[in-house]
Amino acid sequence: MLEFLPMLIGLPILLIWPVWFLRNKRQPSSPLITLLAIPGLLLWFLLILLGVGPVSQNLLYEPLGIGMIAVMLAYWKLFKLDRTNPERSGQTVVVLMLLATLAVRLTMPA
């Protein structure tokens, strides 16, 4: 599983970075949004270690799903949340990322 770690972290970064770069020209924002998948993946790994959720072959697909959720949340932050409340949008997206990770881990079929 560890050999896929660069791909699991790198793919969301590659998909988020261009949009962040273009939006940053108009409205400055932190580049940390490109690392949004990392808190989700860390929580997912912690939940696996604690034995939360079913153990199945879906363990191969869950991290990819978490990465794609991170991409969707980052786009939502950059295009929608930054217009309404830019000060708290980063915190909101990280909390939603952690909740989505928990939901993925608990609802995946065995």
PDB file of N, CA and C in Angstrom:
ATOM      1  N   MET A   1       0.813  -1.193   0.000  1.00  0.00           N
ATOM      2  CA  MET A   1       0.000   0.000   0.000  1.00  0.00           C
ATOM      3  C   MET A   1       0.862   1.265   0.000  1.00  0.00           C
ATOM      4  N   LEU A   2       1.998   1.209   0.663  1.00  0.00           N
ATOM      5  CA  LEU A   2       2.852   2.385   0.743  1.00  0.00           C
ATOM      6  C   LEU A   2       3.470   2.762  -0.601  1.00  0.00           C
ATOM      7  N   GLU A   3       3.575   1.804  -1.522  1.00  0.00           N
ATOM      8  CA  GLU A   3       4.139   2.140  -2.826  1.00  0.00           C
ATOM      9  C   GLU A   3       3.186   3.005  -3.644  1.00  0.00           C
ATOM     10  N   PHE A   4       1.900   3.017  -3.278  1.00  0.00           N
ATOM     11  CA  PHE A   4       0.921   3.850  -3.968  1.00  0.00           C
ATOM     12  C   PHE A   4       0.765   5.225  -3.320  1.00  0.00           C
ATOM     13  N   LEU A   5       1.437   5.457  -2.205  1.00  0.00           N
ATOM     14  CA  LEU A   5       1.284   6.712  -1.473  1.00  0.00           C
ATOM     15  C   LEU A   5       1.623   7.948  -2.311  1.00  0.00           C
ATOM     16  N   PRO A   6       2.714   7.957  -3.075  1.00  0.00           N
ATOM     17  CA  PRO A   6       2.967   9.151  -3.894  1.00  0.00           C
ATOM     18  C   PRO A   6       1.847   9.430  -4.901  1.00  0.00           C
ATOM     19  N   MET A   7       1.260   8.377  -5.458  1.00  0.00           N
ATOM     20  CA  MET A   7       0.160   8.571  -6.399  1.00  0.00           C
ATOM     21  C   MET A   7      -1.093   9.077  -5.679  1.00  0.00           C
ATOM     22  N   LEU A   8      -1.367   8.540  -4.491  1.00  0.00           N
ATOM     23  CA  LEU A   8      -2.561   8.938  -3.758  1.00  0.00           C
ATOM     24  C   LEU A   8      -2.502  10.393  -3.321  1.00  0.00           C
ATOM     25  N   ILE A   9      -1.318  10.888  -3.042  1.00  0.00           N
ATOM     26  CA  ILE A   9      -1.161  12.284  -2.647  1.00  0.00           C
ATOM     27  C   ILE A   9      -0.919  13.165  -3.875  1.00  0.00           C
ATOM     28  N   GLY A  10      -0.179  12.655  -4.849  1.00  0.00           N
ATOM     29  CA  GLY A  10       0.192  13.456  -6.016  1.00  0.00           C
ATOM     30  C   GLY A  10      -0.946  13.716  -6.984  1.00  0.00           C
ATOM     31  N   LEU A  11      -1.834  12.751  -7.164  1.00  0.00           N
ATOM     32  CA  LEU A  11      -2.927  12.938  -8.121  1.00  0.00           C
ATOM     33  C   LEU A  11      -3.852  14.089  -7.728  1.00  0.00           C
ATOM     34  N   PRO A  12      -4.326  14.161  -6.486  1.00  0.00           N
ATOM     35  CA  PRO A  12      -5.137  15.334  -6.129  1.00  0.00           C
ATOM     36  C   PRO A  12      -4.372  16.652  -6.240  1.00  0.00           C
ATOM     37  N   ILE A  13      -3.085  16.639  -5.905  1.00  0.00           N
ATOM     38  CA  ILE A  13      -2.285  17.865  -6.030  1.00  0.00           C
ATOM     39  C   ILE A  13      -2.220  18.300  -7.490  1.00  0.00           C
ATOM     40  N   LEU A  14      -1.999  17.350  -8.390  1.00  0.00           N
ATOM     41  CA  LEU A  14      -1.929  17.677  -9.815  1.00  0.00           C
ATOM     42  C   LEU A  14      -3.255  18.193 -10.358  1.00  0.00           C
ATOM     43  N   LEU A  15      -4.359  17.728  -9.802  1.00  0.00           N
ATOM     44  CA  LEU A  15      -5.665  18.175 -10.275  1.00  0.00           C
ATOM     45  C   LEU A  15      -6.109  19.495  -9.648  1.00  0.00           C
ATOM     46  N   ILE A  16      -5.626  19.797  -8.460  1.00  0.00           N
ATOM     47  CA  ILE A  16      -6.021  21.033  -7.776  1.00  0.00           C
ATOM     48  C   ILE A  16      -5.104  22.195  -8.148  1.00  0.00           C
ATOM     49  N   TRP A  17      -3.812  21.931  -8.322  1.00  0.00           N
ATOM     50  CA  TRP A  17      -2.837  22.997  -8.497  1.00  0.00           C
ATOM     51  C   TRP A  17      -3.150  23.956  -9.648  1.00  0.00           C
ATOM     52  N   PRO A  18      -3.498  23.487 -10.861  1.00  0.00           N
ATOM     53  CA  PRO A  18      -3.743  24.452 -11.949  1.00  0.00           C
ATOM     54  C   PRO A  18      -4.891  25.418 -11.649  1.00  0.00           C
ATOM     55  N   VAL A  19      -5.948  24.920 -11.049  1.00  0.00           N
ATOM     56  CA  VAL A  19      -7.083  25.784 -10.728  1.00  0.00           C
ATOM     57  C   VAL A  19      -6.694  26.772  -9.636  1.00  0.00           C
ATOM     58  N   TRP A  20      -5.957  26.293  -8.618  1.00  0.00           N
ATOM     59  CA  TRP A  20      -5.498  27.210  -7.584  1.00  0.00           C
ATOM     60  C   TRP A  20      -4.601  28.287  -8.190  1.00  0.00           C
ATOM     61  N   PHE A  21      -3.717  27.908  -9.094  1.00  0.00           N
ATOM     62  CA  PHE A  21      -2.793  28.855  -9.716  1.00  0.00           C
ATOM     63  C   PHE A  21      -3.555  29.941 -10.478  1.00  0.00           C
ATOM     64  N   LEU A  22      -4.562  29.546 -11.238  1.00  0.00           N
ATOM     65  CA  LEU A  22      -5.337  30.529 -11.993  1.00  0.00           C
ATOM     66  C   LEU A  22      -6.158  31.432 -11.076  1.00  0.00           C
ATOM     67  N   ARG A  23      -6.762  30.852 -10.031  1.00  0.00           N
ATOM     68  CA  ARG A  23      -7.562  31.642  -9.105  1.00  0.00           C
ATOM     69  C   ARG A  23      -6.681  32.553  -8.248  1.00  0.00           C
ATOM     70  N   ASN A  24      -5.471  32.126  -7.969  1.00  0.00           N
ATOM     71  CA  ASN A  24      -4.561  32.907  -7.133  1.00  0.00           C
ATOM     72  C   ASN A  24      -4.136  34.201  -7.826  1.00  0.00           C
ATOM     73  N   LYS A  25      -4.165  34.219  -9.149  1.00  0.00           N
ATOM     74  CA  LYS A  25      -3.827  35.441  -9.873  1.00  0.00           C
ATOM     75  C   LYS A  25      -4.872  36.529  -9.609  1.00  0.00           C
ATOM     76  N   ARG A  26      -6.134  36.128  -9.481  1.00  0.00           N
ATOM     77  CA  ARG A  26      -7.214  37.093  -9.247  1.00  0.00           C
ATOM     78  C   ARG A  26      -7.382  37.432  -7.778  1.00  0.00           C
ATOM     79  N   GLN A  27      -7.368  36.393  -6.956  1.00  0.00           N
ATOM     80  CA  GLN A  27      -7.590  36.577  -5.522  1.00  0.00           C
ATOM     81  C   GLN A  27      -6.573  35.715  -4.767  1.00  0.00           C
ATOM     82  N   PRO A  28      -5.647  36.332  -4.053  1.00  0.00           N
ATOM     83  CA  PRO A  28      -4.611  35.543  -3.365  1.00  0.00           C
ATOM     84  C   PRO A  28      -5.208  34.572  -2.348  1.00  0.00           C
ATOM     85  N   SER A  29      -4.714  33.349  -2.384  1.00  0.00           N
ATOM     86  CA  SER A  29      -5.132  32.335  -1.418  1.00  0.00           C
ATOM     87  C   SER A  29      -3.949  31.428  -1.126  1.00  0.00           C
ATOM     88  N   SER A  30      -4.082  30.680  -0.059  1.00  0.00           N
ATOM     89  CA  SER A  30      -2.989  29.833   0.400  1.00  0.00           C
ATOM     90  C   SER A  30      -2.800  28.626  -0.522  1.00  0.00           C
ATOM     91  N   PRO A  31      -1.551  28.251  -0.810  1.00  0.00           N
ATOM     92  CA  PRO A  31      -1.322  27.056  -1.619  1.00  0.00           C
ATOM     93  C   PRO A  31      -1.568  25.760  -0.846  1.00  0.00           C
ATOM     94  N   LEU A  32      -1.861  25.858   0.430  1.00  0.00           N
ATOM     95  CA  LEU A  32      -2.123  24.651   1.219  1.00  0.00           C
ATOM     96  C   LEU A  32      -3.378  23.913   0.770  1.00  0.00           C
ATOM     97  N   ILE A  33      -4.251  24.566   0.024  1.00  0.00           N
ATOM     98  CA  ILE A  33      -5.453  23.884  -0.469  1.00  0.00           C
ATOM     99  C   ILE A  33      -5.073  22.716  -1.373  1.00  0.00           C
ATOM    100  N   THR A  34      -3.900  22.777  -2.006  1.00  0.00           N
ATOM    101  CA  THR A  34      -3.486  21.672  -2.868  1.00  0.00           C
ATOM    102  C   THR A  34      -3.187  20.405  -2.060  1.00  0.00           C
ATOM    103  N   LEU A  35      -2.965  20.559  -0.765  1.00  0.00           N
ATOM    104  CA  LEU A  35      -2.668  19.415   0.109  1.00  0.00           C
ATOM    105  C   LEU A  35      -3.899  18.944   0.877  1.00  0.00           C
ATOM    106  N   LEU A  36      -5.079  19.260   0.390  1.00  0.00           N
ATOM    107  CA  LEU A  36      -6.313  18.936   1.105  1.00  0.00           C
ATOM    108  C   LEU A  36      -6.525  17.434   1.296  1.00  0.00           C
ATOM    109  N   ALA A  37      -6.008  16.614   0.424  1.00  0.00           N
ATOM    110  CA  ALA A  37      -6.205  15.166   0.549  1.00  0.00           C
ATOM    111  C   ALA A  37      -5.445  14.573   1.728  1.00  0.00           C
ATOM    112  N   ILE A  38      -4.398  15.219   2.186  1.00  0.00           N
ATOM    113  CA  ILE A  38      -3.546  14.636   3.231  1.00  0.00           C
ATOM    114  C   ILE A  38      -4.289  14.439   4.553  1.00  0.00           C
ATOM    115  N   PRO A  39      -5.051  15.419   5.080  1.00  0.00           N
ATOM    116  CA  PRO A  39      -5.776  15.136   6.326  1.00  0.00           C
ATOM    117  C   PRO A  39      -6.773  13.986   6.174  1.00  0.00           C
ATOM    118  N   GLY A  40      -7.421  13.909   5.029  1.00  0.00           N
ATOM    119  CA  GLY A  40      -8.354  12.812   4.795  1.00  0.00           C
ATOM    120  C   GLY A  40      -7.673  11.463   4.757  1.00  0.00           C
ATOM    121  N   LEU A  41      -6.540  11.404   4.078  1.00  0.00           N
ATOM    122  CA  LEU A  41      -5.815  10.133   3.999  1.00  0.00           C
ATOM    123  C   LEU A  41      -5.232   9.731   5.352  1.00  0.00           C
ATOM    124  N   LEU A  42      -4.786  10.702   6.130  1.00  0.00           N
ATOM    125  CA  LEU A  42      -4.283  10.387   7.474  1.00  0.00           C
ATOM    126  C   LEU A  42      -5.404   9.863   8.368  1.00  0.00           C
ATOM    127  N   LEU A  43      -6.570  10.493   8.293  1.00  0.00           N
ATOM    128  CA  LEU A  43      -7.709   9.998   9.077  1.00  0.00           C
ATOM    129  C   LEU A  43      -8.121   8.615   8.607  1.00  0.00           C
ATOM    130  N   TRP A  44      -8.134   8.394   7.301  1.00  0.00           N
ATOM    131  CA  TRP A  44      -8.494   7.082   6.766  1.00  0.00           C
ATOM    132  C   TRP A  44      -7.533   6.013   7.270  1.00  0.00           C
ATOM    133  N   PHE A  45      -6.236   6.308   7.248  1.00  0.00           N
ATOM    134  CA  PHE A  45      -5.243   5.355   7.732  1.00  0.00           C
ATOM    135  C   PHE A  45      -5.418   5.091   9.226  1.00  0.00           C
ATOM    136  N   LEU A  46      -5.712   6.124  10.005  1.00  0.00           N
ATOM    137  CA  LEU A  46      -5.948   5.964  11.431  1.00  0.00           C
ATOM    138  C   LEU A  46      -7.182   5.098  11.684  1.00  0.00           C
ATOM    139  N   LEU A  47      -8.230   5.311  10.909  1.00  0.00           N
ATOM    140  CA  LEU A  47      -9.437   4.494  11.065  1.00  0.00           C
ATOM    141  C   LEU A  47      -9.165   3.034  10.716  1.00  0.00           C
ATOM    142  N   ILE A  48      -8.336   2.790   9.705  1.00  0.00           N
ATOM    143  CA  ILE A  48      -7.952   1.414   9.355  1.00  0.00           C
ATOM    144  C   ILE A  48      -7.199   0.778  10.519  1.00  0.00           C
ATOM    145  N   LEU A  49      -6.248   1.518  11.088  1.00  0.00           N
ATOM    146  CA  LEU A  49      -5.464   0.979  12.203  1.00  0.00           C
ATOM    147  C   LEU A  49      -6.326   0.690  13.423  1.00  0.00           C
ATOM    148  N   LEU A  50      -7.354   1.501  13.647  1.00  0.00           N
ATOM    149  CA  LEU A  50      -8.250   1.303  14.789  1.00  0.00           C
ATOM    150  C   LEU A  50      -9.322   0.257  14.515  1.00  0.00           C
ATOM    151  N   GLY A  51      -9.417  -0.215  13.276  1.00  0.00           N
ATOM    152  CA  GLY A  51     -10.385  -1.249  12.941  1.00  0.00           C
ATOM    153  C   GLY A  51     -11.793  -0.727  12.734  1.00  0.00           C
ATOM    154  N   VAL A  52     -11.932   0.532  12.403  1.00  0.00           N
ATOM    155  CA  VAL A  52     -13.245   1.124  12.168  1.00  0.00           C
ATOM    156  C   VAL A  52     -13.667   0.825  10.736  1.00  0.00           C
ATOM    157  N   GLY A  53     -14.885   0.334  10.561  1.00  0.00           N
ATOM    158  CA  GLY A  53     -15.398   0.025   9.232  1.00  0.00           C
ATOM    159  C   GLY A  53     -15.036  -1.372   8.793  1.00  0.00           C
ATOM    160  N   PRO A  54     -15.700  -1.842   7.748  1.00  0.00           N
ATOM    161  CA  PRO A  54     -15.452  -3.199   7.268  1.00  0.00           C
ATOM    162  C   PRO A  54     -14.130  -3.308   6.517  1.00  0.00           C
ATOM    163  N   VAL A  55     -13.536  -4.480   6.608  1.00  0.00           N
ATOM    164  CA  VAL A  55     -12.311  -4.766   5.866  1.00  0.00           C
ATOM    165  C   VAL A  55     -12.711  -5.533   4.623  1.00  0.00           C
ATOM    166  N   SER A  56     -12.366  -5.012   3.467  1.00  0.00           N
ATOM    167  CA  SER A  56     -12.736  -5.663   2.209  1.00  0.00           C
ATOM    168  C   SER A  56     -11.759  -5.248   1.125  1.00  0.00           C
ATOM    169  N   GLN A  57     -12.061  -5.642  -0.101  1.00  0.00           N
ATOM    170  CA  GLN A  57     -11.221  -5.251  -1.230  1.00  0.00           C
ATOM    171  C   GLN A  57     -11.399  -3.777  -1.575  1.00  0.00           C
ATOM    172  N   ASN A  58     -12.388  -3.123  -0.993  1.00  0.00           N
ATOM    173  CA  ASN A  58     -12.593  -1.697  -1.233  1.00  0.00           C
ATOM    174  C   ASN A  58     -11.479  -0.851  -0.641  1.00  0.00           C
ATOM    175  N   LEU A  59     -10.646  -1.450   0.191  1.00  0.00           N
ATOM    176  CA  LEU A  59      -9.530  -0.699   0.760  1.00  0.00           C
ATOM    177  C   LEU A  59      -8.618  -0.158  -0.332  1.00  0.00           C
ATOM    178  N   LEU A  60      -8.645  -0.773  -1.511  1.00  0.00           N
ATOM    179  CA  LEU A  60      -7.840  -0.277  -2.617  1.00  0.00           C
ATOM    180  C   LEU A  60      -8.451   0.962  -3.257  1.00  0.00           C
ATOM    181  N   TYR A  61      -9.773   1.085  -3.190  1.00  0.00           N
ATOM    182  CA  TYR A  61     -10.462   2.174  -3.871  1.00  0.00           C
ATOM    183  C   TYR A  61     -10.791   3.353  -2.961  1.00  0.00           C
ATOM    184  N   GLU A  62     -10.878   3.120  -1.677  1.00  0.00           N
ATOM    185  CA  GLU A  62     -11.244   4.184  -0.754  1.00  0.00           C
ATOM    186  C   GLU A  62     -10.284   5.375  -0.806  1.00  0.00           C
ATOM    187  N   PRO A  63      -8.962   5.176  -0.796  1.00  0.00           N
ATOM    188  CA  PRO A  63      -8.069   6.341  -0.855  1.00  0.00           C
ATOM    189  C   PRO A  63      -8.211   7.141  -2.152  1.00  0.00           C
ATOM    190  N   LEU A  64      -8.481   6.465  -3.256  1.00  0.00           N
ATOM    191  CA  LEU A  64      -8.707   7.191  -4.508  1.00  0.00           C
ATOM    192  C   LEU A  64      -9.978   8.024  -4.430  1.00  0.00           C
ATOM    193  N   GLY A  65     -11.020   7.452  -3.826  1.00  0.00           N
ATOM    194  CA  GLY A  65     -12.253   8.207  -3.628  1.00  0.00           C
ATOM    195  C   GLY A  65     -12.047   9.406  -2.725  1.00  0.00           C
ATOM    196  N   ILE A  66     -11.249   9.225  -1.691  1.00  0.00           N
ATOM    197  CA  ILE A  66     -10.961  10.332  -0.774  1.00  0.00           C
ATOM    198  C   ILE A  66     -10.188  11.426  -1.514  1.00  0.00           C
ATOM    199  N   GLY A  67      -9.271  11.041  -2.360  1.00  0.00           N
ATOM    200  CA  GLY A  67      -8.539  12.025  -3.158  1.00  0.00           C
ATOM    201  C   GLY A  67      -9.453  12.799  -4.099  1.00  0.00           C
ATOM    202  N   MET A  68     -10.407  12.109  -4.711  1.00  0.00           N
ATOM    203  CA  MET A  68     -11.326  12.793  -5.619  1.00  0.00           C
ATOM    204  C   MET A  68     -12.298  13.693  -4.848  1.00  0.00           C
ATOM    205  N   ILE A  69     -12.669  13.291  -3.649  1.00  0.00           N
ATOM    206  CA  ILE A  69     -13.478  14.173  -2.801  1.00  0.00           C
ATOM    207  C   ILE A  69     -12.690  15.434  -2.462  1.00  0.00           C
ATOM    208  N   ALA A  70     -11.404  15.278  -2.206  1.00  0.00           N
ATOM    209  CA  ALA A  70     -10.556  16.435  -1.923  1.00  0.00           C
ATOM    210  C   ALA A  70     -10.519  17.383  -3.116  1.00  0.00           C
ATOM    211  N   VAL A  71     -10.461  16.837  -4.315  1.00  0.00           N
ATOM    212  CA  VAL A  71     -10.450  17.676  -5.516  1.00  0.00           C
ATOM    213  C   VAL A  71     -11.763  18.446  -5.632  1.00  0.00           C
ATOM    214  N   MET A  72     -12.878  17.755  -5.440  1.00  0.00           N
ATOM    215  CA  MET A  72     -14.182  18.423  -5.528  1.00  0.00           C
ATOM    216  C   MET A  72     -14.325  19.511  -4.472  1.00  0.00           C
ATOM    217  N   LEU A  73     -13.903  19.222  -3.243  1.00  0.00           N
ATOM    218  CA  LEU A  73     -13.994  20.223  -2.184  1.00  0.00           C
ATOM    219  C   LEU A  73     -13.079  21.416  -2.448  1.00  0.00           C
ATOM    220  N   ALA A  74     -11.909  21.164  -2.998  1.00  0.00           N
ATOM    221  CA  ALA A  74     -10.989  22.266  -3.308  1.00  0.00           C
ATOM    222  C   ALA A  74     -11.576  23.164  -4.390  1.00  0.00           C
ATOM    223  N   TYR A  75     -12.172  22.570  -5.415  1.00  0.00           N
ATOM    224  CA  TYR A  75     -12.803  23.379  -6.457  1.00  0.00           C
ATOM    225  C   TYR A  75     -13.963  24.179  -5.873  1.00  0.00           C
ATOM    226  N   TRP A  76     -14.745  23.539  -5.010  1.00  0.00           N
ATOM    227  CA  TRP A  76     -15.870  24.226  -4.377  1.00  0.00           C
ATOM    228  C   TRP A  76     -15.375  25.409  -3.551  1.00  0.00           C
ATOM    229  N   LYS A  77     -14.280  25.204  -2.826  1.00  0.00           N
ATOM    230  CA  LYS A  77     -13.699  26.291  -2.028  1.00  0.00           C
ATOM    231  C   LYS A  77     -13.228  27.422  -2.921  1.00  0.00           C
ATOM    232  N   LEU A  78     -12.481  27.090  -3.966  1.00  0.00           N
ATOM    233  CA  LEU A  78     -11.884  28.117  -4.806  1.00  0.00           C
ATOM    234  C   LEU A  78     -12.912  28.905  -5.612  1.00  0.00           C
ATOM    235  N   PHE A  79     -13.987  28.246  -6.037  1.00  0.00           N
ATOM    236  CA  PHE A  79     -14.965  28.922  -6.880  1.00  0.00           C
ATOM    237  C   PHE A  79     -16.159  29.492  -6.127  1.00  0.00           C
ATOM    238  N   LYS A  80     -16.520  28.900  -4.985  1.00  0.00           N
ATOM    239  CA  LYS A  80     -17.727  29.334  -4.298  1.00  0.00           C
ATOM    240  C   LYS A  80     -17.455  29.929  -2.910  1.00  0.00           C
ATOM    241  N   LEU A  81     -16.798  29.168  -2.054  1.00  0.00           N
ATOM    242  CA  LEU A  81     -16.613  29.607  -0.674  1.00  0.00           C
ATOM    243  C   LEU A  81     -15.727  30.832  -0.538  1.00  0.00           C
ATOM    244  N   ASP A  82     -14.713  30.954  -1.376  1.00  0.00           N
ATOM    245  CA  ASP A  82     -13.822  32.118  -1.276  1.00  0.00           C
ATOM    246  C   ASP A  82     -14.533  33.417  -1.615  1.00  0.00           C
ATOM    247  N   ARG A  83     -15.626  33.337  -2.338  1.00  0.00           N
ATOM    248  CA  ARG A  83     -16.389  34.539  -2.653  1.00  0.00           C
ATOM    249  C   ARG A  83     -17.245  34.996  -1.480  1.00  0.00           C
ATOM    250  N   THR A  84     -17.738  34.035  -0.698  1.00  0.00           N
ATOM    251  CA  THR A  84     -18.653  34.393   0.387  1.00  0.00           C
ATOM    252  C   THR A  84     -17.937  34.630   1.709  1.00  0.00           C
ATOM    253  N   ASN A  85     -17.005  33.751   2.070  1.00  0.00           N
ATOM    254  CA  ASN A  85     -16.328  33.866   3.356  1.00  0.00           C
ATOM    255  C   ASN A  85     -14.891  33.348   3.241  1.00  0.00           C
ATOM    256  N   PRO A  86     -13.982  34.148   2.685  1.00  0.00           N
ATOM    257  CA  PRO A  86     -12.626  33.638   2.451  1.00  0.00           C
ATOM    258  C   PRO A  86     -11.828  33.366   3.719  1.00  0.00           C
ATOM    259  N   GLU A  87     -12.175  34.012   4.837  1.00  0.00           N
ATOM    260  CA  GLU A  87     -11.406  33.803   6.061  1.00  0.00           C
ATOM    261  C   GLU A  87     -11.603  32.404   6.635  1.00  0.00           C
ATOM    262  N   ARG A  88     -12.812  31.890   6.540  1.00  0.00           N
ATOM    263  CA  ARG A  88     -13.109  30.595   7.159  1.00  0.00           C
ATOM    264  C   ARG A  88     -13.265  29.467   6.162  1.00  0.00           C
ATOM    265  N   SER A  89     -13.103  29.740   4.893  1.00  0.00           N
ATOM    266  CA  SER A  89     -13.359  28.705   3.892  1.00  0.00           C
ATOM    267  C   SER A  89     -12.373  27.544   3.996  1.00  0.00           C
ATOM    268  N   GLY A  90     -11.123  27.809   4.339  1.00  0.00           N
ATOM    269  CA  GLY A  90     -10.143  26.734   4.482  1.00  0.00           C
ATOM    270  C   GLY A  90     -10.487  25.793   5.614  1.00  0.00           C
ATOM    271  N   GLN A  91     -10.897  26.358   6.755  1.00  0.00           N
ATOM    272  CA  GLN A  91     -11.289  25.524   7.897  1.00  0.00           C
ATOM    273  C   GLN A  91     -12.524  24.696   7.563  1.00  0.00           C
ATOM    274  N   THR A  92     -13.464  25.314   6.885  1.00  0.00           N
ATOM    275  CA  THR A  92     -14.696  24.615   6.520  1.00  0.00           C
ATOM    276  C   THR A  92     -14.404  23.432   5.620  1.00  0.00           C
ATOM    277  N   VAL A  93     -13.538  23.627   4.652  1.00  0.00           N
ATOM    278  CA  VAL A  93     -13.231  22.555   3.707  1.00  0.00           C
ATOM    279  C   VAL A  93     -12.480  21.415   4.392  1.00  0.00           C
ATOM    280  N   VAL A  94     -11.585  21.710   5.313  1.00  0.00           N
ATOM    281  CA  VAL A  94     -10.857  20.638   6.017  1.00  0.00           C
ATOM    282  C   VAL A  94     -11.818  19.826   6.880  1.00  0.00           C
ATOM    283  N   VAL A  95     -12.742  20.487   7.564  1.00  0.00           N
ATOM    284  CA  VAL A  95     -13.725  19.764   8.378  1.00  0.00           C
ATOM    285  C   VAL A  95     -14.608  18.898   7.478  1.00  0.00           C
ATOM    286  N   LEU A  96     -15.047  19.431   6.346  1.00  0.00           N
ATOM    287  CA  LEU A  96     -15.850  18.634   5.414  1.00  0.00           C
ATOM    288  C   LEU A  96     -15.059  17.460   4.849  1.00  0.00           C
ATOM    289  N   MET A  97     -13.761  17.661   4.632  1.00  0.00           N
ATOM    290  CA  MET A  97     -12.908  16.576   4.144  1.00  0.00           C
ATOM    291  C   MET A  97     -12.833  15.446   5.169  1.00  0.00           C
ATOM    292  N   LEU A  98     -12.672  15.796   6.433  1.00  0.00           N
ATOM    293  CA  LEU A  98     -12.608  14.775   7.487  1.00  0.00           C
ATOM    294  C   LEU A  98     -13.948  14.058   7.643  1.00  0.00           C
ATOM    295  N   LEU A  99     -15.040  14.790   7.561  1.00  0.00           N
ATOM    296  CA  LEU A  99     -16.366  14.160   7.645  1.00  0.00           C
ATOM    297  C   LEU A  99     -16.621  13.250   6.453  1.00  0.00           C
ATOM    298  N   ALA A 100     -16.199  13.663   5.265  1.00  0.00           N
ATOM    299  CA  ALA A 100     -16.366  12.826   4.085  1.00  0.00           C
ATOM    300  C   ALA A 100     -15.529  11.557   4.190  1.00  0.00           C
ATOM    301  N   THR A 101     -14.329  11.680   4.738  1.00  0.00           N
ATOM    302  CA  THR A 101     -13.482  10.499   4.936  1.00  0.00           C
ATOM    303  C   THR A 101     -14.132   9.518   5.894  1.00  0.00           C
ATOM    304  N   LEU A 102     -14.668  10.037   6.969  1.00  0.00           N
ATOM    305  CA  LEU A 102     -15.361   9.181   7.941  1.00  0.00           C
ATOM    306  C   LEU A 102     -16.566   8.508   7.297  1.00  0.00           C
ATOM    307  N   ALA A 103     -17.314   9.251   6.490  1.00  0.00           N
ATOM    308  CA  ALA A 103     -18.474   8.672   5.810  1.00  0.00           C
ATOM    309  C   ALA A 103     -18.066   7.597   4.825  1.00  0.00           C
ATOM    310  N   VAL A 104     -16.979   7.823   4.075  1.00  0.00           N
ATOM    311  CA  VAL A 104     -16.501   6.808   3.134  1.00  0.00           C
ATOM    312  C   VAL A 104     -16.101   5.549   3.882  1.00  0.00           C
ATOM    313  N   ARG A 105     -15.399   5.706   4.971  1.00  0.00           N
ATOM    314  CA  ARG A 105     -14.911   4.535   5.715  1.00  0.00           C
ATOM    315  C   ARG A 105     -16.051   3.751   6.345  1.00  0.00           C
ATOM    316  N   LEU A 106     -17.089   4.431   6.798  1.00  0.00           N
ATOM    317  CA  LEU A 106     -18.188   3.746   7.479  1.00  0.00           C
ATOM    318  C   LEU A 106     -19.235   3.175   6.526  1.00  0.00           C
ATOM    319  N   THR A 107     -19.341   3.709   5.322  1.00  0.00           N
ATOM    320  CA  THR A 107     -20.432   3.280   4.430  1.00  0.00           C
ATOM    321  C   THR A 107     -19.996   2.366   3.299  1.00  0.00           C
ATOM    322  N   MET A 108     -18.718   2.130   3.121  1.00  0.00           N
ATOM    323  CA  MET A 108     -18.290   1.235   2.059  1.00  0.00           C
ATOM    324  C   MET A 108     -18.758  -0.191   2.347  1.00  0.00           C
ATOM    325  N   PRO A 109     -19.316  -0.843   1.353  1.00  0.00           N
ATOM    326  CA  PRO A 109     -19.765  -2.213   1.593  1.00  0.00           C
ATOM    327  C   PRO A 109     -18.609  -3.175   1.811  1.00  0.00           C
ATOM    328  N   ALA A 110     -18.880  -4.204   2.564  1.00  0.00           N
ATOM    329  CA  ALA A 110     -17.851  -5.208   2.867  1.00  0.00           C
ATOM    330  C   ALA A 110     -17.689  -6.187   1.728  1.00  0.00           C
TER     331      ALA A 110
END
